[in-house]
N, C-alpha and C. Protein backbone atom coordinates (compact mmCIF):
# COMPACT_ATOMS: atom_id res chain seq x y z
N MET A 1 14.58 -1.21 24.00
CA MET A 1 13.91 -0.82 23.05
C MET A 1 12.31 -0.97 23.11
N ARG A 2 11.50 -0.11 22.40
CA ARG A 2 10.02 -0.50 22.34
C ARG A 2 9.90 0.04 21.33
N PRO A 3 8.66 0.02 20.58
CA PRO A 3 7.82 0.38 19.45
C PRO A 3 7.91 2.10 19.67
N ILE A 4 7.84 2.38 17.89
CA ILE A 4 7.70 4.03 17.93
C ILE A 4 6.78 4.56 17.77
N ARG A 5 5.97 5.49 18.80
CA ARG A 5 4.78 5.89 18.55
C ARG A 5 4.67 7.51 18.33
N THR A 6 5.69 8.27 18.36
CA THR A 6 5.32 9.67 18.01
C THR A 6 6.56 9.79 17.11
N ARG A 7 6.09 11.18 16.59
CA ARG A 7 7.38 11.87 15.27
C ARG A 7 8.76 11.78 16.05
N ALA A 8 8.47 12.36 17.46
CA ALA A 8 9.76 12.93 17.98
C ALA A 8 10.74 11.54 18.33
N GLU A 9 9.84 10.43 18.40
CA GLU A 9 10.49 9.17 19.07
C GLU A 9 11.20 8.75 17.41
N HIS A 10 10.20 8.83 16.36
CA HIS A 10 10.90 8.55 15.14
C HIS A 10 11.98 9.44 14.60
N ASP A 11 12.23 10.65 15.12
CA ASP A 11 13.27 11.26 14.48
C ASP A 11 14.29 11.10 15.56
N ARG A 12 14.45 10.38 16.60
CA ARG A 12 15.49 10.52 17.59
C ARG A 12 15.86 9.03 17.02
N ALA A 13 15.11 8.06 16.48
CA ALA A 13 15.33 6.53 16.35
C ALA A 13 16.28 7.10 14.71
N LEU A 14 15.70 7.88 14.01
CA LEU A 14 16.46 8.04 12.58
C LEU A 14 18.15 8.83 13.25
N ALA A 15 18.07 9.58 14.12
CA ALA A 15 19.74 10.22 14.49
C ALA A 15 20.09 9.19 14.89
N GLU A 16 19.94 8.00 15.71
CA GLU A 16 20.36 6.84 15.99
C GLU A 16 20.90 6.05 15.18
N ILE A 17 20.15 5.66 14.24
CA ILE A 17 20.37 4.83 12.96
C ILE A 17 21.63 5.50 12.13
N GLU A 18 21.81 6.92 12.38
CA GLU A 18 22.57 7.34 11.41
C GLU A 18 24.01 7.47 12.11
N ARG A 19 23.98 7.71 13.47
CA ARG A 19 25.09 7.47 14.39
C ARG A 19 25.54 5.68 14.26
N LEU A 20 24.93 4.67 13.93
CA LEU A 20 25.11 3.26 14.04
C LEU A 20 25.40 2.98 12.82
N MET A 21 25.28 3.69 11.60
CA MET A 21 25.87 3.06 10.33
C MET A 21 26.86 2.90 10.47
N GLY A 22 27.35 1.78 9.70
CA GLY A 22 28.88 1.54 9.85
C GLY A 22 29.03 0.41 10.65
N ALA A 23 28.29 0.17 11.37
CA ALA A 23 28.51 -0.60 12.92
C ALA A 23 28.99 -2.25 11.86
N LYS A 24 29.93 -2.92 12.66
CA LYS A 24 30.60 -4.09 12.33
C LYS A 24 29.44 -5.16 12.48
N ARG A 25 29.43 -5.96 11.75
CA ARG A 25 28.30 -7.23 11.56
C ARG A 25 28.76 -7.93 12.72
N GLY A 26 27.34 -8.41 13.32
CA GLY A 26 27.77 -9.39 14.58
C GLY A 26 27.90 -8.62 16.05
N THR A 27 28.19 -7.58 15.88
CA THR A 27 28.14 -6.64 17.18
C THR A 27 27.16 -6.50 17.65
N PRO A 28 26.90 -5.75 19.12
CA PRO A 28 25.89 -5.28 19.41
C PRO A 28 25.27 -3.79 18.68
N ARG A 29 26.13 -3.08 18.47
CA ARG A 29 25.61 -1.98 17.60
C ARG A 29 25.32 -2.19 16.38
N ALA A 30 25.61 -3.36 15.64
CA ALA A 30 24.70 -3.81 14.57
C ALA A 30 23.35 -4.23 14.68
N ASP A 31 23.54 -5.02 15.77
CA ASP A 31 22.10 -5.57 16.06
C ASP A 31 21.20 -4.34 16.60
N ARG A 32 21.76 -3.43 17.17
CA ARG A 32 20.69 -2.41 17.76
C ARG A 32 20.26 -1.74 16.36
N LEU A 33 21.16 -1.50 15.15
CA LEU A 33 20.83 -0.87 14.30
C LEU A 33 19.93 -1.80 13.34
N GLU A 34 19.88 -2.84 13.27
CA GLU A 34 19.34 -3.86 12.53
C GLU A 34 17.55 -3.53 13.31
N VAL A 35 17.68 -3.70 14.50
CA VAL A 35 16.02 -3.42 15.49
C VAL A 35 15.48 -1.95 15.21
N LEU A 36 16.25 -0.97 15.15
CA LEU A 36 15.91 0.32 14.88
C LEU A 36 15.40 0.39 13.62
N VAL A 37 16.42 0.05 12.56
CA VAL A 37 15.39 -0.10 11.29
C VAL A 37 14.21 -0.70 11.17
N ALA A 38 14.03 -1.48 11.66
CA ALA A 38 12.77 -2.66 11.77
C ALA A 38 11.69 -1.36 12.60
N LEU A 39 12.01 -0.94 13.34
CA LEU A 39 11.11 -0.11 14.18
C LEU A 39 10.72 0.91 13.18
N VAL A 40 11.48 1.67 12.60
CA VAL A 40 11.28 2.89 11.94
C VAL A 40 10.52 2.38 10.87
N THR A 41 10.82 1.43 10.27
CA THR A 41 9.98 0.68 9.06
C THR A 41 8.67 0.67 9.22
N ALA A 42 8.32 -0.05 10.19
CA ALA A 42 6.93 -0.24 10.75
C ALA A 42 6.10 1.07 10.81
N TYR A 43 7.15 1.59 11.75
CA TYR A 43 6.17 3.19 12.03
C TYR A 43 5.83 3.97 10.87
N GLU A 44 6.77 3.87 9.79
CA GLU A 44 6.56 4.72 8.69
C GLU A 44 5.78 4.25 7.68
N ALA A 45 5.66 2.57 7.68
CA ALA A 45 4.60 1.95 6.88
C ALA A 45 3.07 2.33 7.31
N THR A 46 2.74 2.94 8.51
CA THR A 46 1.71 3.04 9.17
C THR A 46 1.27 4.44 9.20
N ARG A 47 2.27 5.36 8.95
CA ARG A 47 1.88 6.89 9.07
C ARG A 47 2.30 7.31 8.04
N ASP A 48 3.57 7.07 7.17
CA ASP A 48 4.22 7.93 6.09
C ASP A 48 3.61 7.05 4.86
N ARG A 49 2.44 6.82 4.83
CA ARG A 49 1.92 6.19 3.68
C ARG A 49 2.22 6.86 2.20
N ILE A 50 2.52 6.38 1.32
CA ILE A 50 3.10 7.16 0.04
C ILE A 50 1.83 6.38 -0.92
N ASP A 51 1.09 7.22 -1.65
CA ASP A 51 0.20 6.78 -2.51
C ASP A 51 0.65 6.67 -3.70
N LEU A 52 -0.20 5.47 -4.66
CA LEU A 52 0.67 5.12 -5.83
C LEU A 52 0.54 6.32 -6.59
N PRO A 53 1.10 6.57 -7.99
CA PRO A 53 1.25 7.37 -8.67
C PRO A 53 -0.12 7.04 -9.87
N GLU A 54 -0.33 8.09 -10.56
CA GLU A 54 -1.82 7.93 -11.20
C GLU A 54 -1.15 7.01 -12.54
N PRO A 55 -1.98 6.20 -13.05
CA PRO A 55 -1.43 5.37 -13.98
C PRO A 55 -0.81 6.01 -15.24
N ILE A 56 -1.74 7.06 -15.93
CA ILE A 56 -0.97 7.46 -17.18
C ILE A 56 0.35 8.43 -16.79
N GLU A 57 0.48 9.06 -15.76
CA GLU A 57 1.66 9.82 -15.21
C GLU A 57 2.90 8.82 -14.92
N ALA A 58 2.51 7.65 -14.28
CA ALA A 58 3.51 6.68 -14.17
C ALA A 58 3.88 6.29 -15.48
N ILE A 59 3.07 6.07 -16.51
CA ILE A 59 3.63 5.63 -17.88
C ILE A 59 4.44 6.65 -18.79
N GLN A 60 4.14 7.71 -18.46
CA GLN A 60 4.82 9.10 -18.97
C GLN A 60 6.36 9.03 -18.43
N THR A 61 6.24 9.07 -17.06
CA THR A 61 7.56 9.25 -16.22
C THR A 61 8.45 8.07 -16.59
N HIS A 62 7.98 6.85 -16.90
CA HIS A 62 8.33 5.52 -17.12
C HIS A 62 9.34 5.75 -18.63
N MET A 63 8.24 6.47 -19.33
CA MET A 63 9.17 6.68 -20.74
C MET A 63 9.79 7.97 -20.91
N GLU A 64 9.99 8.88 -20.27
CA GLU A 64 10.41 10.27 -19.83
C GLU A 64 12.10 9.68 -19.45
N GLU A 65 11.95 8.73 -18.00
CA GLU A 65 13.13 8.11 -17.62
C GLU A 65 14.09 7.20 -18.60
N ARG A 66 13.45 6.65 -19.31
CA ARG A 66 14.12 5.53 -20.28
C ARG A 66 14.21 6.32 -21.76
N GLY A 67 13.82 7.48 -21.98
CA GLY A 67 14.22 7.70 -23.19
C GLY A 67 13.02 7.14 -24.44
N LEU A 68 12.08 7.01 -23.92
CA LEU A 68 11.31 6.25 -25.00
C LEU A 68 10.18 7.40 -25.25
N GLU A 69 9.97 6.90 -26.44
CA GLU A 69 8.49 7.78 -27.48
C GLU A 69 7.43 7.19 -27.09
N GLN A 70 6.38 7.78 -28.16
CA GLN A 70 4.87 7.22 -28.17
C GLN A 70 5.17 6.44 -28.85
N ALA A 71 6.10 6.37 -30.06
CA ALA A 71 5.82 5.02 -30.65
C ALA A 71 6.52 3.96 -30.30
N ASP A 72 7.22 4.09 -29.25
CA ASP A 72 7.86 2.82 -28.41
C ASP A 72 6.52 2.22 -27.65
N PHE A 73 5.91 3.18 -27.04
CA PHE A 73 4.43 2.72 -26.30
C PHE A 73 3.56 2.09 -27.73
N ALA A 74 3.48 2.58 -28.91
CA ALA A 74 2.42 2.12 -29.47
C ALA A 74 2.95 0.76 -30.05
N ARG A 75 4.07 0.30 -30.27
CA ARG A 75 4.73 -0.76 -30.85
C ARG A 75 4.32 -1.68 -29.63
N LEU A 76 4.35 -1.67 -28.24
CA LEU A 76 4.01 -2.40 -27.28
C LEU A 76 2.29 -2.69 -27.29
N VAL A 77 1.77 -1.48 -27.33
CA VAL A 77 -0.13 -1.75 -27.08
C VAL A 77 -0.45 -2.34 -28.58
N GLY A 78 0.24 -2.03 -29.62
CA GLY A 78 -0.19 -2.55 -30.85
C GLY A 78 -0.67 -1.81 -32.01
N SER A 79 -0.62 -0.51 -31.77
CA SER A 79 -1.19 0.70 -32.70
C SER A 79 -0.80 2.19 -32.19
N ARG A 80 -0.72 2.88 -33.06
CA ARG A 80 -0.38 4.39 -32.86
C ARG A 80 -1.46 4.93 -32.21
N SER A 81 -2.66 4.60 -32.71
CA SER A 81 -4.27 5.22 -32.76
C SER A 81 -4.59 4.86 -31.31
N LEU A 82 -4.61 3.82 -30.79
CA LEU A 82 -4.47 3.26 -29.37
C LEU A 82 -3.38 3.81 -28.42
N ALA A 83 -2.52 3.84 -28.87
CA ALA A 83 -1.35 4.55 -27.73
C ALA A 83 -1.81 5.97 -27.64
N SER A 84 -1.73 6.62 -28.64
CA SER A 84 -2.16 7.81 -28.87
C SER A 84 -3.69 8.35 -27.79
N ALA A 85 -4.48 7.40 -27.95
CA ALA A 85 -6.10 7.46 -27.23
C ALA A 85 -5.64 7.18 -25.92
N ILE A 86 -5.12 6.30 -25.32
CA ILE A 86 -4.33 5.99 -24.22
C ILE A 86 -3.83 7.23 -23.42
N LEU A 87 -2.74 7.58 -23.75
CA LEU A 87 -1.95 8.82 -23.51
C LEU A 87 -2.71 10.13 -23.55
N ASN A 88 -3.83 10.29 -24.35
CA ASN A 88 -4.19 11.79 -24.07
C ASN A 88 -5.23 11.42 -23.48
N ARG A 89 -5.70 10.38 -22.85
CA ARG A 89 -6.89 9.87 -21.65
C ARG A 89 -8.32 10.10 -22.47
N LYS A 90 -8.25 9.48 -23.74
CA LYS A 90 -9.71 9.30 -24.52
C LYS A 90 -10.01 8.00 -24.46
N ARG A 91 -9.06 6.94 -23.86
CA ARG A 91 -9.71 5.61 -23.77
C ARG A 91 -8.83 5.21 -22.69
N PRO A 92 -9.54 4.32 -21.92
CA PRO A 92 -9.04 3.73 -20.86
C PRO A 92 -8.02 2.24 -21.42
N MET A 93 -6.99 1.92 -20.58
CA MET A 93 -6.20 0.83 -20.68
C MET A 93 -7.36 -0.57 -20.67
N SER A 94 -6.77 -1.52 -21.69
CA SER A 94 -7.85 -2.84 -21.31
C SER A 94 -6.39 -3.85 -20.51
N LEU A 95 -7.30 -4.69 -20.16
CA LEU A 95 -6.24 -5.35 -19.11
C LEU A 95 -5.49 -5.96 -19.77
N SER A 96 -5.41 -6.27 -21.26
CA SER A 96 -4.33 -6.87 -21.90
C SER A 96 -3.42 -6.01 -21.95
N VAL A 97 -3.34 -4.45 -22.33
CA VAL A 97 -2.58 -3.28 -22.44
C VAL A 97 -1.62 -3.20 -20.90
N ILE A 98 -2.73 -3.30 -19.78
CA ILE A 98 -2.15 -3.48 -18.24
C ILE A 98 -1.15 -4.22 -18.37
N ARG A 99 -1.27 -5.91 -18.49
CA ARG A 99 -0.33 -7.02 -18.51
C ARG A 99 0.66 -6.53 -19.49
N LYS A 100 0.62 -5.86 -20.37
CA LYS A 100 1.57 -6.01 -21.34
C LYS A 100 2.61 -5.06 -20.71
N LEU A 101 2.29 -3.64 -20.40
CA LEU A 101 3.01 -2.93 -19.68
C LEU A 101 3.55 -3.20 -18.48
N SER A 102 3.06 -4.22 -17.69
CA SER A 102 3.44 -4.71 -16.41
C SER A 102 4.59 -5.44 -16.70
N THR A 103 4.36 -6.29 -17.77
CA THR A 103 5.33 -7.29 -18.05
C THR A 103 6.59 -6.63 -18.63
N ALA A 104 6.08 -5.99 -19.70
CA ALA A 104 7.31 -5.44 -20.63
C ALA A 104 8.00 -4.15 -19.86
N TRP A 105 7.40 -3.13 -19.49
CA TRP A 105 7.97 -2.38 -18.99
C TRP A 105 8.48 -2.18 -17.35
N ASP A 106 7.84 -3.24 -16.62
CA ASP A 106 8.04 -3.39 -15.31
C ASP A 106 7.35 -2.40 -14.49
N ILE A 107 6.13 -1.70 -14.77
CA ILE A 107 5.40 -0.78 -14.12
C ILE A 107 4.47 -1.81 -13.19
N PRO A 108 4.43 -1.78 -12.20
CA PRO A 108 3.54 -2.44 -11.14
C PRO A 108 1.95 -2.56 -11.63
N ALA A 109 1.33 -3.55 -11.88
CA ALA A 109 -0.22 -3.69 -11.96
C ALA A 109 -0.83 -3.10 -11.26
N GLU A 110 -0.69 -3.08 -9.78
CA GLU A 110 -1.43 -2.11 -8.86
C GLU A 110 -1.34 -0.79 -9.21
N VAL A 111 -0.24 -0.14 -10.05
CA VAL A 111 -0.58 1.21 -10.25
C VAL A 111 -1.23 1.44 -11.51
N LEU A 112 -1.27 0.28 -12.68
CA LEU A 112 -1.79 0.60 -13.69
C LEU A 112 -3.44 0.30 -13.75
N VAL A 113 -3.70 -0.27 -12.45
CA VAL A 113 -5.17 -0.84 -12.60
C VAL A 113 -6.02 0.18 -11.82
N GLN A 114 -5.45 1.46 -11.37
CA GLN A 114 -6.32 2.27 -10.85
C GLN A 114 -7.20 2.90 -11.92
N ILE A 115 -8.24 3.31 -11.13
CA ILE A 115 -9.32 4.07 -11.82
C ILE A 115 -8.49 5.56 -12.11
N TYR A 116 -8.56 6.10 -13.48
CA TYR A 116 -8.00 7.63 -13.32
C TYR A 116 -8.97 8.32 -14.61
N ARG A 117 -8.69 9.63 -14.68
CA ARG A 117 -9.41 10.58 -15.23
C ARG A 117 -9.32 10.21 -16.89
N LEU A 118 -10.19 10.34 -17.47
CA LEU A 118 -10.25 10.61 -18.94
C LEU A 118 -10.78 11.62 -19.27
N GLU A 119 -10.33 11.86 -20.42
CA GLU A 119 -10.64 13.64 -20.90
C GLU A 119 -12.09 13.88 -20.82
N GLY A 120 -12.52 14.65 -20.26
CA GLY A 120 -14.02 15.30 -20.14
C GLY A 120 -14.62 14.40 -19.01
N GLN A 121 -14.38 13.84 -17.97
CA GLN A 121 -14.81 13.27 -16.94
C GLN A 121 -13.91 14.44 -15.64
N ARG A 122 -14.86 14.19 -14.51
CA ARG A 122 -14.43 14.59 -13.25
C ARG A 122 -13.53 13.44 -12.75
N PRO A 123 -12.57 14.45 -12.22
CA PRO A 123 -11.66 13.36 -11.34
C PRO A 123 -12.23 12.08 -10.59
N PRO A 124 -11.52 10.85 -10.56
CA PRO A 124 -12.38 9.96 -9.65
C PRO A 124 -12.43 10.12 -8.25
N LYS A 125 -13.15 9.56 -7.80
CA LYS A 125 -13.25 9.49 -6.25
C LYS A 125 -12.48 8.56 -5.53
N ALA A 126 -11.82 8.83 -4.71
CA ALA A 126 -11.08 8.14 -4.07
C ALA A 126 -11.88 6.73 -3.25
N ALA A 127 -11.12 5.81 -3.36
CA ALA A 127 -12.09 4.50 -2.79
C ALA A 127 -11.91 4.55 -1.33
């Protein structure tokens, strides 16, 4: 075994992982499966980086997936007007709002602290 360096090697490793799925623990096949998964994970971490979702879109998606309304968001942040201003991109989230969202709704803080576009602004430049 060796590191995965190309897309073709990655594809072959995925095919072999599929063949090895269900291998009995403690067997050489299971050991090979475990090593292949680690190699594929390492390859994908460096080449297939997934960008974090934009903060307001992450909040809206969270609300949709859980059947939450703007009123639920307002209760969390403390006021209907603040909730409306944040969701309509008229006001940025404060650190205390980010902390509340991260804790209460389990949205990762690293998603919420990103710079995002407010109404009337140009899109932010990537860092």
